[in-house]
Amino acid sequence: MDENIPRVTPRHSATFDAYTLSEIRRAASTGIYDIRGGGAKRALPHFDDLLFLGASISRYPLEGYRERCGTNVVLGSRHASKPLELKIPITIAGMSFGSLSGQAKEALGRGANAAGTSTTTGDGGMTAEERGHSKLLVYQYLPSRYGMNPDDLRKADAIEVVVGQGAKPGGGGMLMGQKINDRVASMRSLPKGIDQRSACRHPDWTGPDDLEIKILELREITNWEKPIYVKVGGSRPYYDTALAVKAGADVIVVDGMQGGTAATQNVFIEHVGQPTLACIRPAVQALQDLDMHRKVQLIVSGGIRNGADVAKAMALGADAVSIGTAALIAMGDNDPIHESEYNRLGTTAGAYDSWHLGHDPAGITTQEPELAARLDPVSAGRRLANYLQVMTLEAQTIARACGKNHLHNLEPEDLCALSVEAAAMARVPLAGTSWVPGQTPL
């Protein structure tokens, strides 16, 4: 090689980056698609792209912690005779026993109890640990009907009809055979050790008219006491919200694509659905158009991480939020204390997403007895309660700074956006301007 010729630095493709190349090689080698847990890992417009406009002269702030800022929320008052009364507007999302260990489910109940909020069963039925340690428990009614028991419906404090999930709208979940032990198999009426895939749609309805019939059946079973939620993935939030309201739902749960899952195809997680930020305003608009905003409550989930996210979701019109992945992290998931074991599994703390394999060193997403025993439900529940308390205090701090004496008094006018995409999705002005993309002229 002529030493006088300048060397050109090799340039890697932005389209065929290192991860994409590794995925192509893996697919070519195995002939199967990639399955994993967790949520979308690609960069998406999110709550960090919004900022609050704190009070000064034109708005009057509340004084520190001396002036009250309410956080309570009532869910399900439209039709239910016993709506849920929560101390904080942060609930625990549905995560199944089977996906999670029994200890993890108990810890979720303990943490939610201590914070004054609700937790949710997830697919596969209700465990004694969860019911016993959850003052307020929402029972998920899923397309699979795994573990569905009318007696458990009556034991629950609310029922959530799951039509879709943010990580996989239009698709069903998976539970690998190694996580289906004797107890999981018995609860779900499945053969032990055999891979299971949940259905992607309910077997007894084909549209919103059938959903209305199903909601009425559930009300009859529970003597019209329990609030009925309808959960949808963030694909068409305006129409799905409107149809769920017309079908008689008390509460709508909209789950954006940053929401996690126990196991599904990676291509689903990364390429189906819409960012959580894009789902809130259309859902709120549907409620407003039907004169049902605040009468039918809206819960937003998918990537909620801190009190600022809570406050921003509520400023955009949500009544409450729901957390899943963040709750698991608070309890110890992906903790660097297990780094050496994550390394042996071919990954690292913070990136571990092979929840479907059941080898979680933290003892949370596993059914292996020796691993599950690592999680102390009392300690993990306390950590979760601490985390929920901090999120609530952070949201209150922001609300006071905006001059609001309740989190529900936050509004879109309190926000601006840092990017055109976020401004368009949240329908708030781009920072430094009065321009709302798609809403006001330049």
Foldseek 3Di string as FASTA:
>chain_A
DPPPDDDDDDDDDPVCDPVNVVLVVVCVVPVDFDKWWAFAPDDDDALVQKDFDFDDVVFDFFDDVPFFAAAWFWFFPQFAPATQIFRHQEEAEADEPLQWPLLQLLLNLQQQVLQRYEHEHHPLADDPSNLVSHPAYEYECEQQCFLPDLVVLQSHQAYEDELAAAQFQQAWFKAAQQSFDPVSCVSRVHDHSHIDTGGNGHPQDDDLVVLLVVVVVSCVSNVRNHAYEYEGHAAQQQVVLLSCVVSPHQEYEYEHLLGIGSMDGPCSRHPDHHGLLLRQLSNQVNCVVVVNQSRRAYEYEHPDAALSSQLLSLQLRHSHYYYYPNLVVLLPFLDQVCQVVCVVVVHGRPPDTRLSVQPGQCLTRHHDVVSVVNRRSVVSSVSSNVRSVRSRVSNSVRCSSRVHSYSNPRHLQRMEGCDLVSLQSSVAHHPPDRDRPPPDDD
